[in-house]
Amino acid sequence: MTLFRTVALAALVFATSAEATDMAFFVKNMRKEAVAIELFSRDRETVWPGNDKVFLIDPSSQKSVPISCNQGERICYGAWVNGNDKISAGVGPDNDQPCDSCCFTCVEHSTETIDLVP
């Protein structure tokens, strides 16, 4: 294989793996308090919704949260009681808590469910 073909193939693989795709998170807040949630990329410095905003889920309600992410990207959620970030779930409000089951892989046209329980 020539150097040109090797470089071209590597560029194609890299471009494909970073291709933006749409997916959604279906968040069910089963708590009696409103919950704030953010989604954090483990592969780049990206937070959804970003710009110092959060997705706010009312008590005992649910919301679909669509995002655009890179195919194969790892995305983790951090959630907390609105107004009290000491009560948190997932990776927490600062993306600094250990979590085995709060990360998902970005897959085109897929939906992941997040259950926030009391």
PDB file of N, CA and C in Angstrom:
ATOM      1  N   MET A   1       0.857  -1.169   0.000  1.00  0.00           N
ATOM      2  CA  MET A   1       0.000   0.000   0.000  1.00  0.00           C
ATOM      3  C   MET A   1       0.905   1.235   0.000  1.00  0.00           C
ATOM      4  N   THR A   2       0.569   2.165  -0.848  1.00  0.00           N
ATOM      5  CA  THR A   2       1.380   3.375  -0.934  1.00  0.00           C
ATOM      6  C   THR A   2       1.104   4.283   0.251  1.00  0.00           C
ATOM      7  N   LEU A   3       2.027   5.181   0.493  1.00  0.00           N
ATOM      8  CA  LEU A   3       1.867   6.130   1.584  1.00  0.00           C
ATOM      9  C   LEU A   3       0.607   6.969   1.376  1.00  0.00           C
ATOM     10  N   PHE A   4       0.348   7.389   0.144  1.00  0.00           N
ATOM     11  CA  PHE A   4      -0.841   8.195  -0.155  1.00  0.00           C
ATOM     12  C   PHE A   4      -2.114   7.433   0.218  1.00  0.00           C
ATOM     13  N   ARG A   5      -2.198   6.156  -0.169  1.00  0.00           N
ATOM     14  CA  ARG A   5      -3.393   5.369   0.138  1.00  0.00           C
ATOM     15  C   ARG A   5      -3.548   5.177   1.648  1.00  0.00           C
ATOM     16  N   THR A   6      -2.435   4.978   2.348  1.00  0.00           N
ATOM     17  CA  THR A   6      -2.480   4.812   3.796  1.00  0.00           C
ATOM     18  C   THR A   6      -2.993   6.081   4.472  1.00  0.00           C
ATOM     19  N   VAL A   7      -2.476   7.227   4.046  1.00  0.00           N
ATOM     20  CA  VAL A   7      -2.906   8.509   4.608  1.00  0.00           C
ATOM     21  C   VAL A   7      -4.373   8.763   4.263  1.00  0.00           C
ATOM     22  N   ALA A   8      -4.767   8.483   3.024  1.00  0.00           N
ATOM     23  CA  ALA A   8      -6.157   8.698   2.612  1.00  0.00           C
ATOM     24  C   ALA A   8      -7.100   7.805   3.405  1.00  0.00           C
ATOM     25  N   LEU A   9      -6.721   6.540   3.614  1.00  0.00           N
ATOM     26  CA  LEU A   9      -7.554   5.621   4.383  1.00  0.00           C
ATOM     27  C   LEU A   9      -7.661   6.078   5.842  1.00  0.00           C
ATOM     28  N   ALA A  10      -6.563   6.485   6.435  1.00  0.00           N
ATOM     29  CA  ALA A  10      -6.582   6.979   7.816  1.00  0.00           C
ATOM     30  C   ALA A  10      -7.464   8.212   7.932  1.00  0.00           C
ATOM     31  N   ALA A  11      -7.397   9.109   6.966  1.00  0.00           N
ATOM     32  CA  ALA A  11      -8.231  10.316   6.989  1.00  0.00           C
ATOM     33  C   ALA A  11      -9.704   9.948   6.878  1.00  0.00           C
ATOM     34  N   LEU A  12     -10.033   8.969   6.063  1.00  0.00           N
ATOM     35  CA  LEU A  12     -11.421   8.540   5.904  1.00  0.00           C
ATOM     36  C   LEU A  12     -11.946   7.932   7.200  1.00  0.00           C
ATOM     37  N   VAL A  13     -11.167   7.083   7.841  1.00  0.00           N
ATOM     38  CA  VAL A  13     -11.574   6.472   9.108  1.00  0.00           C
ATOM     39  C   VAL A  13     -11.771   7.539  10.171  1.00  0.00           C
ATOM     40  N   PHE A  14     -10.845   8.494  10.270  1.00  0.00           N
ATOM     41  CA  PHE A  14     -10.963   9.558  11.260  1.00  0.00           C
ATOM     42  C   PHE A  14     -12.188  10.409  10.991  1.00  0.00           C
ATOM     43  N   ALA A  15     -12.436  10.775   9.740  1.00  0.00           N
ATOM     44  CA  ALA A  15     -13.586  11.616   9.395  1.00  0.00           C
ATOM     45  C   ALA A  15     -14.884  10.890   9.713  1.00  0.00           C
ATOM     46  N   THR A  16     -14.938   9.601   9.465  1.00  0.00           N
ATOM     47  CA  THR A  16     -16.152   8.839   9.724  1.00  0.00           C
ATOM     48  C   THR A  16     -16.423   8.744  11.223  1.00  0.00           C
ATOM     49  N   SER A  17     -15.379   8.551  12.028  1.00  0.00           N
ATOM     50  CA  SER A  17     -15.594   8.375  13.457  1.00  0.00           C
ATOM     51  C   SER A  17     -16.014   9.671  14.146  1.00  0.00           C
ATOM     52  N   ALA A  18     -15.736  10.818  13.541  1.00  0.00           N
ATOM     53  CA  ALA A  18     -16.094  12.092  14.151  1.00  0.00           C
ATOM     54  C   ALA A  18     -17.341  12.697  13.515  1.00  0.00           C
ATOM     55  N   GLU A  19     -18.055  11.914  12.752  1.00  0.00           N
ATOM     56  CA  GLU A  19     -19.242  12.409  12.062  1.00  0.00           C
ATOM     57  C   GLU A  19     -20.362  12.699  13.059  1.00  0.00           C
ATOM     58  N   ALA A  20     -20.936  13.872  12.941  1.00  0.00           N
ATOM     59  CA  ALA A  20     -22.021  14.257  13.849  1.00  0.00           C
ATOM     60  C   ALA A  20     -23.266  13.439  13.541  1.00  0.00           C
ATOM     61  N   THR A  21     -23.939  13.042  14.597  1.00  0.00           N
ATOM     62  CA  THR A  21     -25.165  12.268  14.460  1.00  0.00           C
ATOM     63  C   THR A  21     -26.155  12.735  15.525  1.00  0.00           C
ATOM     64  N   ASP A  22     -27.411  12.436  15.330  1.00  0.00           N
ATOM     65  CA  ASP A  22     -28.442  12.835  16.279  1.00  0.00           C
ATOM     66  C   ASP A  22     -28.889  11.633  17.096  1.00  0.00           C
ATOM     67  N   MET A  23     -29.023  11.844  18.378  1.00  0.00           N
ATOM     68  CA  MET A  23     -29.594  10.838  19.269  1.00  0.00           C
ATOM     69  C   MET A  23     -30.380  11.563  20.351  1.00  0.00           C
ATOM     70  N   ALA A  24     -31.043  10.809  21.218  1.00  0.00           N
ATOM     71  CA  ALA A  24     -31.850  11.433  22.264  1.00  0.00           C
ATOM     72  C   ALA A  24     -31.687  10.679  23.577  1.00  0.00           C
ATOM     73  N   PHE A  25     -31.939  11.404  24.642  1.00  0.00           N
ATOM     74  CA  PHE A  25     -31.999  10.815  25.978  1.00  0.00           C
ATOM     75  C   PHE A  25     -33.412  11.061  26.494  1.00  0.00           C
ATOM     76  N   PHE A  26     -34.064  10.011  26.963  1.00  0.00           N
ATOM     77  CA  PHE A  26     -35.400  10.111  27.530  1.00  0.00           C
ATOM     78  C   PHE A  26     -35.229  10.070  29.041  1.00  0.00           C
ATOM     79  N   VAL A  27     -35.448  11.216  29.688  1.00  0.00           N
ATOM     80  CA  VAL A  27     -35.198  11.353  31.121  1.00  0.00           C
ATOM     81  C   VAL A  27     -36.519  11.277  31.875  1.00  0.00           C
ATOM     82  N   LYS A  28     -36.589  10.332  32.813  1.00  0.00           N
ATOM     83  CA  LYS A  28     -37.768  10.193  33.674  1.00  0.00           C
ATOM     84  C   LYS A  28     -37.382  10.616  35.079  1.00  0.00           C
ATOM     85  N   ASN A  29     -37.979  11.709  35.542  1.00  0.00           N
ATOM     86  CA  ASN A  29     -37.734  12.195  36.897  1.00  0.00           C
ATOM     87  C   ASN A  29     -38.824  11.651  37.814  1.00  0.00           C
ATOM     88  N   MET A  30     -38.491  10.650  38.604  1.00  0.00           N
ATOM     89  CA  MET A  30     -39.455  10.046  39.516  1.00  0.00           C
ATOM     90  C   MET A  30     -39.392  10.657  40.911  1.00  0.00           C
ATOM     91  N   ARG A  31     -38.607  11.714  41.038  1.00  0.00           N
ATOM     92  CA  ARG A  31     -38.456  12.401  42.322  1.00  0.00           C
ATOM     93  C   ARG A  31     -39.597  13.401  42.550  1.00  0.00           C
ATOM     94  N   LYS A  32     -39.737  13.885  43.781  1.00  0.00           N
ATOM     95  CA  LYS A  32     -40.748  14.888  44.113  1.00  0.00           C
ATOM     96  C   LYS A  32     -40.210  16.298  43.956  1.00  0.00           C
ATOM     97  N   GLU A  33     -38.930  16.414  43.555  1.00  0.00           N
ATOM     98  CA  GLU A  33     -38.312  17.719  43.318  1.00  0.00           C
ATOM     99  C   GLU A  33     -37.907  17.828  41.851  1.00  0.00           C
ATOM    100  N   ALA A  34     -37.834  19.062  41.377  1.00  0.00           N
ATOM    101  CA  ALA A  34     -37.322  19.288  40.017  1.00  0.00           C
ATOM    102  C   ALA A  34     -35.844  18.899  39.983  1.00  0.00           C
ATOM    103  N   VAL A  35     -35.408  18.392  38.848  1.00  0.00           N
ATOM    104  CA  VAL A  35     -34.032  17.933  38.696  1.00  0.00           C
ATOM    105  C   VAL A  35     -33.394  18.644  37.518  1.00  0.00           C
ATOM    106  N   ALA A  36     -32.153  19.072  37.713  1.00  0.00           N
ATOM    107  CA  ALA A  36     -31.341  19.641  36.634  1.00  0.00           C
ATOM    108  C   ALA A  36     -30.434  18.531  36.115  1.00  0.00           C
ATOM    109  N   ILE A  37     -30.202  18.519  34.810  1.00  0.00           N
ATOM    110  CA  ILE A  37     -29.344  17.487  34.224  1.00  0.00           C
ATOM    111  C   ILE A  37     -28.489  18.087  33.115  1.00  0.00           C
ATOM    112  N   GLU A  38     -27.261  17.612  33.045  1.00  0.00           N
ATOM    113  CA  GLU A  38     -26.354  17.958  31.951  1.00  0.00           C
ATOM    114  C   GLU A  38     -25.768  16.659  31.408  1.00  0.00           C
ATOM    115  N   LEU A  39     -25.393  16.689  30.142  1.00  0.00           N
ATOM    116  CA  LEU A  39     -24.737  15.556  29.502  1.00  0.00           C
ATOM    117  C   LEU A  39     -23.307  15.963  29.182  1.00  0.00           C
ATOM    118  N   PHE A  40     -22.358  15.092  29.504  1.00  0.00           N
ATOM    119  CA  PHE A  40     -20.936  15.397  29.351  1.00  0.00           C
ATOM    120  C   PHE A  40     -20.287  14.405  28.399  1.00  0.00           C
ATOM    121  N   SER A  41     -19.526  14.906  27.439  1.00  0.00           N
ATOM    122  CA  SER A  41     -18.746  14.035  26.570  1.00  0.00           C
ATOM    123  C   SER A  41     -17.507  13.574  27.323  1.00  0.00           C
ATOM    124  N   ARG A  42     -17.162  12.305  27.191  1.00  0.00           N
ATOM    125  CA  ARG A  42     -15.929  11.775  27.761  1.00  0.00           C
ATOM    126  C   ARG A  42     -14.780  11.861  26.756  1.00  0.00           C
ATOM    127  N   ASP A  43     -15.111  12.223  25.501  1.00  0.00           N
ATOM    128  CA  ASP A  43     -14.118  12.216  24.432  1.00  0.00           C
ATOM    129  C   ASP A  43     -13.663  13.597  23.984  1.00  0.00           C
ATOM    130  N   ARG A  44     -14.400  14.615  24.384  1.00  0.00           N
ATOM    131  CA  ARG A  44     -14.036  15.990  24.032  1.00  0.00           C
ATOM    132  C   ARG A  44     -14.656  16.921  25.057  1.00  0.00           C
ATOM    133  N   GLU A  45     -14.300  18.174  25.003  1.00  0.00           N
ATOM    134  CA  GLU A  45     -14.783  19.155  25.985  1.00  0.00           C
ATOM    135  C   GLU A  45     -16.138  19.715  25.551  1.00  0.00           C
ATOM    136  N   THR A  46     -17.163  18.872  25.639  1.00  0.00           N
ATOM    137  CA  THR A  46     -18.502  19.278  25.216  1.00  0.00           C
ATOM    138  C   THR A  46     -19.504  18.927  26.309  1.00  0.00           C
ATOM    139  N   VAL A  47     -20.416  19.856  26.563  1.00  0.00           N
ATOM    140  CA  VAL A  47     -21.491  19.665  27.541  1.00  0.00           C
ATOM    141  C   VAL A  47     -22.790  20.064  26.866  1.00  0.00           C
ATOM    142  N   TRP A  48     -23.834  19.267  27.104  1.00  0.00           N
ATOM    143  CA  TRP A  48     -25.162  19.617  26.593  1.00  0.00           C
ATOM    144  C   TRP A  48     -26.050  19.957  27.772  1.00  0.00           C
ATOM    145  N   PRO A  49     -26.841  21.007  27.795  1.00  0.00           N
ATOM    146  CA  PRO A  49     -27.070  21.913  26.674  1.00  0.00           C
ATOM    147  C   PRO A  49     -25.961  22.943  26.471  1.00  0.00           C
ATOM    148  N   GLY A  50     -25.061  23.125  27.424  1.00  0.00           N
ATOM    149  CA  GLY A  50     -23.944  24.063  27.273  1.00  0.00           C
ATOM    150  C   GLY A  50     -24.320  25.488  27.633  1.00  0.00           C
ATOM    151  N   ASN A  51     -23.342  26.382  27.518  1.00  0.00           N
ATOM    152  CA  ASN A  51     -23.540  27.813  27.793  1.00  0.00           C
ATOM    153  C   ASN A  51     -24.138  28.072  29.177  1.00  0.00           C
ATOM    154  N   ASP A  52     -23.676  27.332  30.181  1.00  0.00           N
ATOM    155  CA  ASP A  52     -24.141  27.492  31.567  1.00  0.00           C
ATOM    156  C   ASP A  52     -25.641  27.271  31.723  1.00  0.00           C
ATOM    157  N   LYS A  53     -26.223  26.447  30.861  1.00  0.00           N
ATOM    158  CA  LYS A  53     -27.636  26.092  30.966  1.00  0.00           C
ATOM    159  C   LYS A  53     -27.753  24.633  31.358  1.00  0.00           C
ATOM    160  N   VAL A  54     -28.935  24.226  31.811  1.00  0.00           N
ATOM    161  CA  VAL A  54     -29.215  22.836  32.163  1.00  0.00           C
ATOM    162  C   VAL A  54     -30.561  22.449  31.570  1.00  0.00           C
ATOM    163  N   PHE A  55     -30.783  21.143  31.460  1.00  0.00           N
ATOM    164  CA  PHE A  55     -32.116  20.647  31.153  1.00  0.00           C
ATOM    165  C   PHE A  55     -32.827  20.523  32.490  1.00  0.00           C
ATOM    166  N   LEU A  56     -33.980  21.140  32.624  1.00  0.00           N
ATOM    167  CA  LEU A  56     -34.741  21.092  33.870  1.00  0.00           C
ATOM    168  C   LEU A  56     -35.934  20.157  33.674  1.00  0.00           C
ATOM    169  N   ILE A  57     -36.027  19.159  34.553  1.00  0.00           N
ATOM    170  CA  ILE A  57     -37.104  18.172  34.476  1.00  0.00           C
ATOM    171  C   ILE A  57     -37.979  18.359  35.715  1.00  0.00           C
ATOM    172  N   ASP A  58     -39.240  18.676  35.503  1.00  0.00           N
ATOM    173  CA  ASP A  58     -40.168  18.890  36.610  1.00  0.00           C
ATOM    174  C   ASP A  58     -40.366  17.610  37.426  1.00  0.00           C
ATOM    175  N   PRO A  59     -40.853  17.754  38.671  1.00  0.00           N
ATOM    176  CA  PRO A  59     -41.106  16.580  39.517  1.00  0.00           C
ATOM    177  C   PRO A  59     -42.095  15.623  38.845  1.00  0.00           C
ATOM    178  N   SER A  60     -41.826  14.343  38.994  1.00  0.00           N
ATOM    179  CA  SER A  60     -42.716  13.286  38.473  1.00  0.00           C
ATOM    180  C   SER A  60     -43.070  13.495  36.999  1.00  0.00           C
ATOM    181  N   SER A  61     -42.093  13.888  36.199  1.00  0.00           N
ATOM    182  CA  SER A  61     -42.359  14.087  34.781  1.00  0.00           C
ATOM    183  C   SER A  61     -41.222  13.497  33.947  1.00  0.00           C
ATOM    184  N   GLN A  62     -41.341  13.627  32.659  1.00  0.00           N
ATOM    185  CA  GLN A  62     -40.337  13.088  31.752  1.00  0.00           C
ATOM    186  C   GLN A  62     -40.119  14.040  30.595  1.00  0.00           C
ATOM    187  N   LYS A  63     -38.940  13.938  29.992  1.00  0.00           N
ATOM    188  CA  LYS A  63     -38.595  14.841  28.902  1.00  0.00           C
ATOM    189  C   LYS A  63     -37.637  14.139  27.956  1.00  0.00           C
ATOM    190  N   SER A  64     -37.825  14.359  26.676  1.00  0.00           N
ATOM    191  CA  SER A  64     -36.887  13.870  25.678  1.00  0.00           C
ATOM    192  C   SER A  64     -35.865  14.969  25.413  1.00  0.00           C
ATOM    193  N   VAL A  65     -34.581  14.609  25.455  1.00  0.00           N
ATOM    194  CA  VAL A  65     -33.495  15.564  25.285  1.00  0.00           C
ATOM    195  C   VAL A  65     -32.697  15.166  24.043  1.00  0.00           C
ATOM    196  N   PRO A  66     -32.946  15.825  22.902  1.00  0.00           N
ATOM    197  CA  PRO A  66     -32.185  15.501  21.695  1.00  0.00           C
ATOM    198  C   PRO A  66     -30.829  16.208  21.693  1.00  0.00           C
ATOM    199  N   ILE A  67     -29.802  15.513  21.211  1.00  0.00           N
ATOM    200  CA  ILE A  67     -28.478  16.116  21.095  1.00  0.00           C
ATOM    201  C   ILE A  67     -27.858  15.707  19.760  1.00  0.00           C
ATOM    202  N   SER A  68     -26.839  16.438  19.372  1.00  0.00           N
ATOM    203  CA  SER A  68     -26.013  16.070  18.230  1.00  0.00           C
ATOM    204  C   SER A  68     -24.642  15.714  18.800  1.00  0.00           C
ATOM    205  N   CYS A  69     -24.190  14.490  18.525  1.00  0.00           N
ATOM    206  CA  CYS A  69     -22.923  14.008  19.075  1.00  0.00           C
ATOM    207  C   CYS A  69     -22.141  13.295  17.979  1.00  0.00           C
ATOM    208  N   ASN A  70     -20.925  12.905  18.291  1.00  0.00           N
ATOM    209  CA  ASN A  70     -20.100  12.175  17.334  1.00  0.00           C
ATOM    210  C   ASN A  70     -20.335  10.678  17.487  1.00  0.00           C
ATOM    211  N   GLN A  71     -20.548  10.009  16.368  1.00  0.00           N
ATOM    212  CA  GLN A  71     -20.761   8.563  16.367  1.00  0.00           C
ATOM    213  C   GLN A  71     -19.676   7.881  17.199  1.00  0.00           C
ATOM    214  N   GLY A  72     -20.074   7.052  18.170  1.00  0.00           N
ATOM    215  CA  GLY A  72     -19.133   6.333  19.010  1.00  0.00           C
ATOM    216  C   GLY A  72     -18.668   7.094  20.247  1.00  0.00           C
ATOM    217  N   GLU A  73     -19.030   8.347  20.370  1.00  0.00           N
ATOM    218  CA  GLU A  73     -18.622   9.184  21.508  1.00  0.00           C
ATOM    219  C   GLU A  73     -19.268   8.671  22.797  1.00  0.00           C
ATOM    220  N   ARG A  74     -18.533   8.723  23.904  1.00  0.00           N
ATOM    221  CA  ARG A  74     -19.068   8.338  25.207  1.00  0.00           C
ATOM    222  C   ARG A  74     -19.681   9.567  25.871  1.00  0.00           C
ATOM    223  N   ILE A  75     -20.932   9.432  26.318  1.00  0.00           N
ATOM    224  CA  ILE A  75     -21.667  10.534  26.925  1.00  0.00           C
ATOM    225  C   ILE A  75     -22.185  10.079  28.287  1.00  0.00           C
ATOM    226  N   CYS A  76     -21.914  10.873  29.317  1.00  0.00           N
ATOM    227  CA  CYS A  76     -22.349  10.556  30.681  1.00  0.00           C
ATOM    228  C   CYS A  76     -23.287  11.661  31.171  1.00  0.00           C
ATOM    229  N   TYR A  77     -24.218  11.275  32.020  1.00  0.00           N
ATOM    230  CA  TYR A  77     -25.121  12.291  32.562  1.00  0.00           C
ATOM    231  C   TYR A  77     -24.750  12.627  33.995  1.00  0.00           C
ATOM    232  N   GLY A  78     -25.009  13.885  34.332  1.00  0.00           N
ATOM    233  CA  GLY A  78     -24.910  14.360  35.704  1.00  0.00           C
ATOM    234  C   GLY A  78     -26.228  15.021  36.040  1.00  0.00           C
ATOM    235  N   ALA A  79     -26.831  14.632  37.150  1.00  0.00           N
ATOM    236  CA  ALA A  79     -28.132  15.183  37.538  1.00  0.00           C
ATOM    237  C   ALA A  79     -28.096  15.544  39.013  1.00  0.00           C
ATOM    238  N   TRP A  80     -28.913  16.516  39.374  1.00  0.00           N
ATOM    239  CA  TRP A  80     -28.991  16.930  40.775  1.00  0.00           C
ATOM    240  C   TRP A  80     -30.329  17.598  41.020  1.00  0.00           C
ATOM    241  N   VAL A  81     -30.734  17.606  42.293  1.00  0.00           N
ATOM    242  CA  VAL A  81     -31.964  18.294  42.670  1.00  0.00           C
ATOM    243  C   VAL A  81     -31.756  19.782  42.400  1.00  0.00           C
ATOM    244  N   ASN A  82     -32.685  20.372  41.689  1.00  0.00           N
ATOM    245  CA  ASN A  82     -32.569  21.791  41.344  1.00  0.00           C
ATOM    246  C   ASN A  82     -32.501  22.631  42.617  1.00  0.00           C
ATOM    247  N   GLY A  83     -31.416  23.377  42.764  1.00  0.00           N
ATOM    248  CA  GLY A  83     -31.226  24.204  43.949  1.00  0.00           C
ATOM    249  C   GLY A  83     -30.432  23.525  45.057  1.00  0.00           C
ATOM    250  N   ASN A  84     -30.110  22.235  44.897  1.00  0.00           N
ATOM    251  CA  ASN A  84     -29.340  21.516  45.916  1.00  0.00           C
ATOM    252  C   ASN A  84     -28.439  20.488  45.229  1.00  0.00           C
ATOM    253  N   ASP A  85     -27.273  20.919  44.778  1.00  0.00           N
ATOM    254  CA  ASP A  85     -26.397  20.003  44.047  1.00  0.00           C
ATOM    255  C   ASP A  85     -25.693  18.989  44.943  1.00  0.00           C
ATOM    256  N   LYS A  86     -25.982  19.012  46.257  1.00  0.00           N
ATOM    257  CA  LYS A  86     -25.451  17.985  47.157  1.00  0.00           C
ATOM    258  C   LYS A  86     -26.195  16.656  46.954  1.00  0.00           C
ATOM    259  N   ILE A  87     -27.423  16.720  46.430  1.00  0.00           N
ATOM    260  CA  ILE A  87     -28.198  15.518  46.126  1.00  0.00           C
ATOM    261  C   ILE A  87     -28.082  15.309  44.617  1.00  0.00           C
ATOM    262  N   SER A  88     -27.193  14.377  44.224  1.00  0.00           N
ATOM    263  CA  SER A  88     -26.910  14.221  42.801  1.00  0.00           C
ATOM    264  C   SER A  88     -26.896  12.760  42.385  1.00  0.00           C
ATOM    265  N   ALA A  89     -26.869  12.561  41.080  1.00  0.00           N
ATOM    266  CA  ALA A  89     -26.815  11.227  40.481  1.00  0.00           C
ATOM    267  C   ALA A  89     -25.867  11.278  39.283  1.00  0.00           C
ATOM    268  N   GLY A  90     -25.506  10.109  38.799  1.00  0.00           N
ATOM    269  CA  GLY A  90     -24.595  10.047  37.662  1.00  0.00           C
ATOM    270  C   GLY A  90     -23.229  10.592  38.043  1.00  0.00           C
ATOM    271  N   VAL A  91     -22.644  11.373  37.140  1.00  0.00           N
ATOM    272  CA  VAL A  91     -21.317  11.945  37.403  1.00  0.00           C
ATOM    273  C   VAL A  91     -21.406  13.255  38.179  1.00  0.00           C
ATOM    274  N   GLY A  92     -22.621  13.648  38.588  1.00  0.00           N
ATOM    275  CA  GLY A  92     -22.813  14.856  39.384  1.00  0.00           C
ATOM    276  C   GLY A  92     -22.745  16.125  38.559  1.00  0.00           C
ATOM    277  N   PRO A  93     -22.975  17.260  39.206  1.00  0.00           N
ATOM    278  CA  PRO A  93     -23.039  18.544  38.497  1.00  0.00           C
ATOM    279  C   PRO A  93     -21.694  19.009  37.942  1.00  0.00           C
ATOM    280  N   ASP A  94     -20.604  18.479  38.492  1.00  0.00           N
ATOM    281  CA  ASP A  94     -19.272  18.905  38.042  1.00  0.00           C
ATOM    282  C   ASP A  94     -18.555  17.832  37.228  1.00  0.00           C
ATOM    283  N   ASN A  95     -19.278  16.768  36.863  1.00  0.00           N
ATOM    284  CA  ASN A  95     -18.697  15.695  36.056  1.00  0.00           C
ATOM    285  C   ASN A  95     -17.473  15.091  36.751  1.00  0.00           C
ATOM    286  N   ASP A  96     -17.544  14.952  38.071  1.00  0.00           N
ATOM    287  CA  ASP A  96     -16.371  14.464  38.803  1.00  0.00           C
ATOM    288  C   ASP A  96     -16.671  13.291  39.742  1.00  0.00           C
ATOM    289  N   GLN A  97     -17.844  12.679  39.618  1.00  0.00           N
ATOM    290  CA  GLN A  97     -18.200  11.543  40.467  1.00  0.00           C
ATOM    291  C   GLN A  97     -18.022  10.234  39.682  1.00  0.00           C
ATOM    292  N   PRO A  98     -17.556   9.180  40.360  1.00  0.00           N
ATOM    293  CA  PRO A  98     -17.434   7.891  39.672  1.00  0.00           C
ATOM    294  C   PRO A  98     -18.821   7.323  39.373  1.00  0.00           C
ATOM    295  N   CYS A  99     -18.941   6.669  38.238  1.00  0.00           N
ATOM    296  CA  CYS A  99     -20.239   6.122  37.861  1.00  0.00           C
ATOM    297  C   CYS A  99     -20.030   4.999  36.851  1.00  0.00           C
ATOM    298  N   ASP A 100     -20.570   3.833  37.156  1.00  0.00           N
ATOM    299  CA  ASP A 100     -20.426   2.685  36.260  1.00  0.00           C
ATOM    300  C   ASP A 100     -21.557   2.583  35.242  1.00  0.00           C
ATOM    301  N   SER A 101     -22.721   3.096  35.576  1.00  0.00           N
ATOM    302  CA  SER A 101     -23.882   2.858  34.717  1.00  0.00           C
ATOM    303  C   SER A 101     -24.527   4.137  34.176  1.00  0.00           C
ATOM    304  N   CYS A 102     -23.795   5.245  34.155  1.00  0.00           N
ATOM    305  CA  CYS A 102     -24.416   6.499  33.721  1.00  0.00           C
ATOM    306  C   CYS A 102     -23.827   7.021  32.409  1.00  0.00           C
ATOM    307  N   CYS A 103     -23.094   6.170  31.696  1.00  0.00           N
ATOM    308  CA  CYS A 103     -22.504   6.584  30.426  1.00  0.00           C
ATOM    309  C   CYS A 103     -23.067   5.736  29.284  1.00  0.00           C
ATOM    310  N   PHE A 104     -23.180   6.362  28.138  1.00  0.00           N
ATOM    311  CA  PHE A 104     -23.762   5.732  26.959  1.00  0.00           C
ATOM    312  C   PHE A 104     -22.903   6.054  25.742  1.00  0.00           C
ATOM    313  N   THR A 105     -23.051   5.274  24.698  1.00  0.00           N
ATOM    314  CA  THR A 105     -22.331   5.510  23.452  1.00  0.00           C
ATOM    315  C   THR A 105     -23.263   6.172  22.456  1.00  0.00           C
ATOM    316  N   CYS A 106     -22.773   7.217  21.796  1.00  0.00           N
ATOM    317  CA  CYS A 106     -23.551   7.915  20.780  1.00  0.00           C
ATOM    318  C   CYS A 106     -23.755   6.996  19.577  1.00  0.00           C
ATOM    319  N   VAL A 107     -25.012   6.699  19.299  1.00  0.00           N
ATOM    320  CA  VAL A 107     -25.390   5.862  18.161  1.00  0.00           C
ATOM    321  C   VAL A 107     -26.486   6.599  17.404  1.00  0.00           C
ATOM    322  N   GLU A 108     -26.314   6.717  16.106  1.00  0.00           N
ATOM    323  CA  GLU A 108     -27.251   7.466  15.270  1.00  0.00           C
ATOM    324  C   GLU A 108     -28.688   6.987  15.439  1.00  0.00           C
ATOM    325  N   HIS A 109     -29.595   7.944  15.599  1.00  0.00           N
ATOM    326  CA  HIS A 109     -31.048   7.712  15.699  1.00  0.00           C
ATOM    327  C   HIS A 109     -31.420   6.767  16.841  1.00  0.00           C
ATOM    328  N   SER A 110     -30.664   6.810  17.934  1.00  0.00           N
ATOM    329  CA  SER A 110     -30.993   5.961  19.075  1.00  0.00           C
ATOM    330  C   SER A 110     -31.507   6.824  20.223  1.00  0.00           C
ATOM    331  N   THR A 111     -32.120   6.156  21.187  1.00  0.00           N
ATOM    332  CA  THR A 111     -32.602   6.817  22.394  1.00  0.00           C
ATOM    333  C   THR A 111     -32.167   6.006  23.602  1.00  0.00           C
ATOM    334  N   GLU A 112     -31.597   6.664  24.575  1.00  0.00           N
ATOM    335  CA  GLU A 112     -31.229   6.036  25.839  1.00  0.00           C
ATOM    336  C   GLU A 112     -32.154   6.582  26.916  1.00  0.00           C
ATOM    337  N   THR A 113     -32.512   5.738  27.873  1.00  0.00           N
ATOM    338  CA  THR A 113     -33.408   6.144  28.959  1.00  0.00           C
ATOM    339  C   THR A 113     -32.613   6.344  30.242  1.00  0.00           C
ATOM    340  N   ILE A 114     -32.908   7.443  30.912  1.00  0.00           N
ATOM    341  CA  ILE A 114     -32.308   7.759  32.220  1.00  0.00           C
ATOM    342  C   ILE A 114     -33.438   7.844  33.238  1.00  0.00           C
ATOM    343  N   ASP A 115     -33.405   6.961  34.237  1.00  0.00           N
ATOM    344  CA  ASP A 115     -34.406   6.972  35.305  1.00  0.00           C
ATOM    345  C   ASP A 115     -33.805   7.606  36.541  1.00  0.00           C
ATOM    346  N   LEU A 116     -34.351   8.729  36.960  1.00  0.00           N
ATOM    347  CA  LEU A 116     -33.882   9.430  38.168  1.00  0.00           C
ATOM    348  C   LEU A 116     -34.866   9.108  39.290  1.00  0.00           C
ATOM    349  N   VAL A 117     -34.427   8.252  40.195  1.00  0.00           N
ATOM    350  CA  VAL A 117     -35.299   7.765  41.261  1.00  0.00           C
ATOM    351  C   VAL A 117     -34.954   8.437  42.579  1.00  0.00           C
ATOM    352  N   PRO A 118     -35.921   8.454  43.519  1.00  0.00           N
ATOM    353  CA  PRO A 118     -35.662   9.057  44.833  1.00  0.00           C
ATOM    354  C   PRO A 118     -34.569   8.339  45.594  1.00  0.00           C
TER     355      PRO A 118
END
